Amino acid sequence: MGYTIFMSTKKILSIGALLIALVGLVWFSRSDTPNKTSADTFYKSIPYRLSFSYPSDYFLEEKNTGSATRSRYTITLYEDTKENRLVREGKSPGREGPVAITVDIFQNLENQSLESWVRGTSDSNFKLGDGNLLPLAIGGVNAFSYRWSGLYEGNSVVFIHKGNIVMMSVTFLSSSDEIVNIFESILEALSLD
């Protein structure tokens, strides 16, 4: 009988030591892993009067994407990996662009309402979705949110700011992808002047 108690105590001690080792392993591996959702780079657009923070391991690209008759400005964020740098530099043929977070700022020459712009223009990608347009507030202004599906899955949030229509979008493969969390944290921290 004493032998059974000794074996049980030995098993308990072994299991306890194993649990302590596992907790230590998890603790140390977490402290060495960079937190990709930490927003430590700040972006501010003076002409469009908006700002946000984003992870330092993301690359930000800005460019005019409009035409001679209508201005459009695009801000693109994507993870700064070797593969994405090759795509950005045009050195990776045969590959679509990476998943990204985009901010498109459209000139609203016709003073369209937000809903009519979303439903009536192909730029919104709304027609690629299920038709659900959800109202919300972002940065203190009224906005709409919707999902769509194209080359990638996408979520967009659209609002009017300083006479422009602003569409903030994220593309992803799965709704559990880290880029979706980053997009949500950018939306939460968005500041409109």
C-alpha atoms as a PDB file:
ATOM      1  CA  MET A   1       0.000   0.000   0.000  1.00  0.00           C
ATOM      2  CA  GLY A   2       2.883   2.353   0.803  1.00  0.00           C
ATOM      3  CA  TYR A   3       4.313   1.614  -2.652  1.00  0.00           C
ATOM      4  CA  THR A   4       1.042   2.789  -4.345  1.00  0.00           C
ATOM      5  CA  ILE A   5       1.108   6.081  -2.466  1.00  0.00           C
ATOM      6  CA  PHE A   6       4.783   6.573  -3.396  1.00  0.00           C
ATOM      7  CA  MET A   7       3.982   5.966  -7.097  1.00  0.00           C
ATOM      8  CA  SER A   8       1.021   8.351  -6.980  1.00  0.00           C
ATOM      9  CA  THR A   9       3.141  11.040  -5.348  1.00  0.00           C
ATOM     10  CA  LYS A  10       5.860  10.477  -7.942  1.00  0.00           C
ATOM     11  CA  LYS A  11       3.309  10.791 -10.775  1.00  0.00           C
ATOM     12  CA  ILE A  12       1.858  13.943  -9.219  1.00  0.00           C
ATOM     13  CA  LEU A  13       5.327  15.473  -8.916  1.00  0.00           C
ATOM     14  CA  SER A  14       6.133  14.528 -12.530  1.00  0.00           C
ATOM     15  CA  ILE A  15       2.898  16.048 -13.815  1.00  0.00           C
ATOM     16  CA  GLY A  16       3.468  19.170 -11.704  1.00  0.00           C
ATOM     17  CA  ALA A  17       7.010  19.567 -13.063  1.00  0.00           C
ATOM     18  CA  LEU A  18       5.719  19.092 -16.600  1.00  0.00           C
ATOM     19  CA  LEU A  19       3.037  21.754 -16.104  1.00  0.00           C
ATOM     20  CA  ILE A  20       5.567  24.206 -14.688  1.00  0.00           C
ATOM     21  CA  ALA A  21       7.870  23.565 -17.661  1.00  0.00           C
ATOM     22  CA  LEU A  22       5.005  24.122 -20.123  1.00  0.00           C
ATOM     23  CA  VAL A  23       3.941  27.363 -18.433  1.00  0.00           C
ATOM     24  CA  GLY A  24       7.550  28.570 -18.511  1.00  0.00           C
ATOM     25  CA  LEU A  25       7.903  27.652 -22.174  1.00  0.00           C
ATOM     26  CA  VAL A  26       4.717  29.503 -23.095  1.00  0.00           C
ATOM     27  CA  TRP A  27       5.750  32.532 -21.015  1.00  0.00           C
ATOM     28  CA  PHE A  28       9.215  32.843 -22.555  1.00  0.00           C
ATOM     29  CA  SER A  29       8.063  32.176 -26.120  1.00  0.00           C
ATOM     30  CA  ARG A  30       5.417  34.906 -25.795  1.00  0.00           C
ATOM     31  CA  SER A  31       7.926  37.461 -24.525  1.00  0.00           C
ATOM     32  CA  ASP A  32      10.211  36.841 -27.527  1.00  0.00           C
ATOM     33  CA  THR A  33       7.424  37.090 -30.115  1.00  0.00           C
ATOM     34  CA  PRO A  34       6.843  40.600 -31.441  1.00  0.00           C
ATOM     35  CA  ASN A  35       3.320  41.906 -30.937  1.00  0.00           C
ATOM     36  CA  LYS A  36       2.131  42.527 -34.481  1.00  0.00           C
ATOM     37  CA  THR A  37      -0.939  44.416 -33.303  1.00  0.00           C
ATOM     38  CA  SER A  38       1.088  47.047 -31.471  1.00  0.00           C
ATOM     39  CA  ALA A  39       0.598  50.301 -33.298  1.00  0.00           C
ATOM     40  CA  ASP A  40       3.859  52.177 -33.078  1.00  0.00           C
ATOM     41  CA  THR A  41       4.089  54.117 -36.340  1.00  0.00           C
ATOM     42  CA  PHE A  42       2.006  57.259 -36.728  1.00  0.00           C
ATOM     43  CA  TYR A  43       0.546  58.518 -40.013  1.00  0.00           C
ATOM     44  CA  LYS A  44      -1.048  61.915 -40.528  1.00  0.00           C
ATOM     45  CA  SER A  45      -2.419  63.361 -43.742  1.00  0.00           C
ATOM     46  CA  ILE A  46      -2.473  67.141 -43.497  1.00  0.00           C
ATOM     47  CA  PRO A  47      -4.430  67.743 -46.729  1.00  0.00           C
ATOM     48  CA  TYR A  48      -7.102  65.140 -45.916  1.00  0.00           C
ATOM     49  CA  ARG A  49      -7.021  65.759 -42.153  1.00  0.00           C
ATOM     50  CA  LEU A  50      -6.972  62.215 -40.878  1.00  0.00           C
ATOM     51  CA  SER A  51      -4.479  60.248 -38.831  1.00  0.00           C
ATOM     52  CA  PHE A  52      -3.950  56.789 -37.407  1.00  0.00           C
ATOM     53  CA  SER A  53      -1.290  54.475 -36.018  1.00  0.00           C
ATOM     54  CA  TYR A  54      -0.212  51.199 -37.572  1.00  0.00           C
ATOM     55  CA  PRO A  55       2.329  48.442 -36.831  1.00  0.00           C
ATOM     56  CA  SER A  56       5.946  49.247 -37.600  1.00  0.00           C
ATOM     57  CA  ASP A  57       6.322  45.998 -39.556  1.00  0.00           C
ATOM     58  CA  TYR A  58       3.883  47.314 -42.175  1.00  0.00           C
ATOM     59  CA  PHE A  59       4.815  49.371 -45.216  1.00  0.00           C
ATOM     60  CA  LEU A  60       2.763  52.484 -46.065  1.00  0.00           C
ATOM     61  CA  GLU A  61       2.501  53.662 -49.666  1.00  0.00           C
ATOM     62  CA  GLU A  62       0.685  56.782 -50.874  1.00  0.00           C
ATOM     63  CA  LYS A  63      -0.223  57.775 -54.406  1.00  0.00           C
ATOM     64  CA  ASN A  64      -2.644  59.734 -56.513  1.00  0.00           C
ATOM     65  CA  THR A  65      -4.915  57.226 -58.222  1.00  0.00           C
ATOM     66  CA  GLY A  66      -7.453  59.614 -59.740  1.00  0.00           C
ATOM     67  CA  SER A  67      -7.875  61.038 -63.200  1.00  0.00           C
ATOM     68  CA  ALA A  68      -7.791  64.487 -64.797  1.00  0.00           C
ATOM     69  CA  THR A  69     -11.513  64.873 -64.054  1.00  0.00           C
ATOM     70  CA  ARG A  70     -11.764  63.442 -60.518  1.00  0.00           C
ATOM     71  CA  SER A  71      -9.166  63.233 -57.785  1.00  0.00           C
ATOM     72  CA  ARG A  72      -8.602  60.083 -55.782  1.00  0.00           C
ATOM     73  CA  TYR A  73      -5.855  59.480 -53.254  1.00  0.00           C
ATOM     74  CA  THR A  74      -4.899  56.008 -52.027  1.00  0.00           C
ATOM     75  CA  ILE A  75      -2.989  55.002 -48.913  1.00  0.00           C
ATOM     76  CA  THR A  76      -2.010  51.323 -48.827  1.00  0.00           C
ATOM     77  CA  LEU A  77      -0.657  49.350 -45.885  1.00  0.00           C
ATOM     78  CA  TYR A  78       0.718  45.831 -46.126  1.00  0.00           C
ATOM     79  CA  GLU A  79       3.107  43.715 -44.156  1.00  0.00           C
ATOM     80  CA  ASP A  80       6.703  44.565 -45.012  1.00  0.00           C
ATOM     81  CA  THR A  81       7.943  41.094 -45.959  1.00  0.00           C
ATOM     82  CA  LYS A  82      10.546  40.133 -48.549  1.00  0.00           C
ATOM     83  CA  GLU A  83       7.843  38.706 -50.827  1.00  0.00           C
ATOM     84  CA  ASN A  84       5.698  41.853 -50.558  1.00  0.00           C
ATOM     85  CA  ARG A  85       8.732  44.067 -51.263  1.00  0.00           C
ATOM     86  CA  LEU A  86       9.373  42.105 -54.483  1.00  0.00           C
ATOM     87  CA  VAL A  87       5.744  42.635 -55.537  1.00  0.00           C
ATOM     88  CA  ARG A  88       5.986  46.355 -54.692  1.00  0.00           C
ATOM     89  CA  GLU A  89       9.183  46.671 -56.749  1.00  0.00           C
ATOM     90  CA  GLY A  90       7.634  44.808 -59.709  1.00  0.00           C
ATOM     91  CA  LYS A  91      10.148  41.956 -59.372  1.00  0.00           C
ATOM     92  CA  SER A  92       7.632  39.198 -58.628  1.00  0.00           C
ATOM     93  CA  PRO A  93       5.767  38.443 -61.845  1.00  0.00           C
ATOM     94  CA  GLY A  94       2.717  36.229 -61.878  1.00  0.00           C
ATOM     95  CA  ARG A  95       1.513  37.067 -58.394  1.00  0.00           C
ATOM     96  CA  GLU A  96      -1.441  39.172 -57.347  1.00  0.00           C
ATOM     97  CA  GLY A  97      -0.861  41.948 -54.861  1.00  0.00           C
ATOM     98  CA  PRO A  98      -0.754  41.041 -51.181  1.00  0.00           C
ATOM     99  CA  VAL A  99      -3.662  41.373 -48.783  1.00  0.00           C
ATOM    100  CA  ALA A 100      -3.717  44.961 -47.615  1.00  0.00           C
ATOM    101  CA  ILE A 101      -5.407  47.750 -45.726  1.00  0.00           C
ATOM    102  CA  THR A 102      -6.365  50.642 -47.990  1.00  0.00           C
ATOM    103  CA  VAL A 103      -7.696  54.130 -47.468  1.00  0.00           C
ATOM    104  CA  ASP A 104      -9.198  55.575 -50.641  1.00  0.00           C
ATOM    105  CA  ILE A 105     -10.222  59.225 -50.623  1.00  0.00           C
ATOM    106  CA  PHE A 106     -12.610  60.075 -53.470  1.00  0.00           C
ATOM    107  CA  GLN A 107     -13.523  63.562 -54.593  1.00  0.00           C
ATOM    108  CA  ASN A 108     -17.312  63.891 -54.279  1.00  0.00           C
ATOM    109  CA  LEU A 109     -18.049  66.316 -57.132  1.00  0.00           C
ATOM    110  CA  GLU A 110     -21.785  65.543 -57.217  1.00  0.00           C
ATOM    111  CA  ASN A 111     -22.223  65.821 -53.429  1.00  0.00           C
ATOM    112  CA  GLN A 112     -23.698  62.343 -53.396  1.00  0.00           C
ATOM    113  CA  SER A 113     -25.083  60.973 -50.158  1.00  0.00           C
ATOM    114  CA  LEU A 114     -22.944  58.282 -48.642  1.00  0.00           C
ATOM    115  CA  GLU A 115     -25.489  55.539 -49.254  1.00  0.00           C
ATOM    116  CA  SER A 116     -26.062  56.489 -52.893  1.00  0.00           C
ATOM    117  CA  TRP A 117     -22.301  56.502 -53.509  1.00  0.00           C
ATOM    118  CA  VAL A 118     -21.850  53.062 -51.898  1.00  0.00           C
ATOM    119  CA  ARG A 119     -24.767  51.514 -53.776  1.00  0.00           C
ATOM    120  CA  GLY A 120     -24.163  53.303 -57.074  1.00  0.00           C
ATOM    121  CA  THR A 121     -20.437  53.125 -57.809  1.00  0.00           C
ATOM    122  CA  SER A 122     -18.280  50.112 -58.643  1.00  0.00           C
ATOM    123  CA  ASP A 123     -15.397  51.680 -56.674  1.00  0.00           C
ATOM    124  CA  SER A 124     -17.195  50.727 -53.451  1.00  0.00           C
ATOM    125  CA  ASN A 125     -17.170  46.955 -54.202  1.00  0.00           C
ATOM    126  CA  PHE A 126     -20.597  46.878 -52.526  1.00  0.00           C
ATOM    127  CA  LYS A 127     -22.157  44.919 -55.403  1.00  0.00           C
ATOM    128  CA  LEU A 128     -19.643  42.125 -54.716  1.00  0.00           C
ATOM    129  CA  GLY A 129     -21.194  41.604 -51.273  1.00  0.00           C
ATOM    130  CA  ASP A 130     -24.389  40.280 -49.768  1.00  0.00           C
ATOM    131  CA  GLY A 131     -26.230  43.636 -49.877  1.00  0.00           C
ATOM    132  CA  ASN A 132     -26.041  44.290 -46.120  1.00  0.00           C
ATOM    133  CA  LEU A 133     -25.123  47.887 -45.339  1.00  0.00           C
ATOM    134  CA  LEU A 134     -24.614  48.425 -41.621  1.00  0.00           C
ATOM    135  CA  PRO A 135     -24.682  51.943 -40.135  1.00  0.00           C
ATOM    136  CA  LEU A 136     -22.067  52.852 -37.526  1.00  0.00           C
ATOM    137  CA  ALA A 137     -20.048  55.807 -36.267  1.00  0.00           C
ATOM    138  CA  ILE A 138     -16.335  56.102 -36.917  1.00  0.00           C
ATOM    139  CA  GLY A 139     -14.123  58.935 -35.721  1.00  0.00           C
ATOM    140  CA  GLY A 140     -17.258  60.787 -34.623  1.00  0.00           C
ATOM    141  CA  VAL A 141     -18.992  60.706 -38.042  1.00  0.00           C
ATOM    142  CA  ASN A 142     -21.743  58.524 -39.509  1.00  0.00           C
ATOM    143  CA  ALA A 143     -20.478  55.652 -41.613  1.00  0.00           C
ATOM    144  CA  PHE A 144     -21.481  52.400 -43.280  1.00  0.00           C
ATOM    145  CA  SER A 145     -19.780  49.029 -43.043  1.00  0.00           C
ATOM    146  CA  TYR A 146     -20.144  46.077 -45.413  1.00  0.00           C
ATOM    147  CA  ARG A 147     -18.453  42.885 -46.564  1.00  0.00           C
ATOM    148  CA  TRP A 148     -17.602  41.866 -50.104  1.00  0.00           C
ATOM    149  CA  SER A 149     -15.819  39.097 -51.938  1.00  0.00           C
ATOM    150  CA  GLY A 150     -13.507  39.385 -54.946  1.00  0.00           C
ATOM    151  CA  LEU A 151      -9.966  38.159 -55.448  1.00  0.00           C
ATOM    152  CA  TYR A 152      -9.817  38.240 -51.635  1.00  0.00           C
ATOM    153  CA  GLU A 153     -12.468  38.646 -48.969  1.00  0.00           C
ATOM    154  CA  GLY A 154     -12.979  42.266 -47.965  1.00  0.00           C
ATOM    155  CA  ASN A 155     -14.497  44.540 -45.327  1.00  0.00           C
ATOM    156  CA  SER A 156     -15.047  48.229 -45.996  1.00  0.00           C
ATOM    157  CA  VAL A 157     -16.045  51.194 -43.867  1.00  0.00           C
ATOM    158  CA  VAL A 158     -17.153  54.313 -45.756  1.00  0.00           C
ATOM    159  CA  PHE A 159     -17.805  57.855 -44.504  1.00  0.00           C
ATOM    160  CA  ILE A 160     -17.806  61.469 -45.683  1.00  0.00           C
ATOM    161  CA  HIS A 161     -15.074  63.742 -44.349  1.00  0.00           C
ATOM    162  CA  LYS A 162     -14.276  67.280 -45.483  1.00  0.00           C
ATOM    163  CA  GLY A 163     -16.449  66.833 -48.587  1.00  0.00           C
ATOM    164  CA  ASN A 164     -14.641  63.664 -49.696  1.00  0.00           C
ATOM    165  CA  ILE A 165     -15.835  60.076 -49.552  1.00  0.00           C
ATOM    166  CA  VAL A 166     -13.375  58.005 -47.549  1.00  0.00           C
ATOM    167  CA  MET A 167     -13.386  54.235 -47.967  1.00  0.00           C
ATOM    168  CA  MET A 168     -11.217  52.218 -45.574  1.00  0.00           C
ATOM    169  CA  SER A 169     -10.903  48.553 -46.512  1.00  0.00           C
ATOM    170  CA  VAL A 170      -9.091  45.385 -45.562  1.00  0.00           C
ATOM    171  CA  THR A 171      -8.562  42.326 -47.754  1.00  0.00           C
ATOM    172  CA  PHE A 172      -7.889  38.917 -46.263  1.00  0.00           C
ATOM    173  CA  LEU A 173      -8.061  35.180 -46.822  1.00  0.00           C
ATOM    174  CA  SER A 174      -9.755  34.318 -43.516  1.00  0.00           C
ATOM    175  CA  SER A 175     -11.636  36.566 -41.088  1.00  0.00           C
ATOM    176  CA  SER A 176      -9.273  35.306 -38.356  1.00  0.00           C
ATOM    177  CA  ASP A 177      -6.191  36.713 -40.163  1.00  0.00           C
ATOM    178  CA  GLU A 178      -4.112  39.169 -38.109  1.00  0.00           C
ATOM    179  CA  ILE A 179      -4.588  41.911 -40.725  1.00  0.00           C
ATOM    180  CA  VAL A 180      -8.305  42.042 -39.807  1.00  0.00           C
ATOM    181  CA  ASN A 181      -7.400  42.803 -36.175  1.00  0.00           C
ATOM    182  CA  ILE A 182      -4.940  45.460 -37.311  1.00  0.00           C
ATOM    183  CA  PHE A 183      -7.638  47.041 -39.506  1.00  0.00           C
ATOM    184  CA  GLU A 184     -10.045  47.150 -36.555  1.00  0.00           C
ATOM    185  CA  SER A 185      -7.431  48.771 -34.314  1.00  0.00           C
ATOM    186  CA  ILE A 186      -6.736  51.392 -37.015  1.00  0.00           C
ATOM    187  CA  LEU A 187     -10.464  52.152 -37.210  1.00  0.00           C
ATOM    188  CA  GLU A 188     -10.710  52.471 -33.428  1.00  0.00           C
ATOM    189  CA  ALA A 189      -7.759  54.885 -33.279  1.00  0.00           C
ATOM    190  CA  LEU A 190      -8.712  56.894 -36.396  1.00  0.00           C
ATOM    191  CA  SER A 191      -8.644  60.637 -35.775  1.00  0.00           C
ATOM    192  CA  LEU A 192     -10.458  63.088 -38.051  1.00  0.00           C
ATOM    193  CA  ASP A 193      -9.512  66.786 -37.759  1.00  0.00           C
END
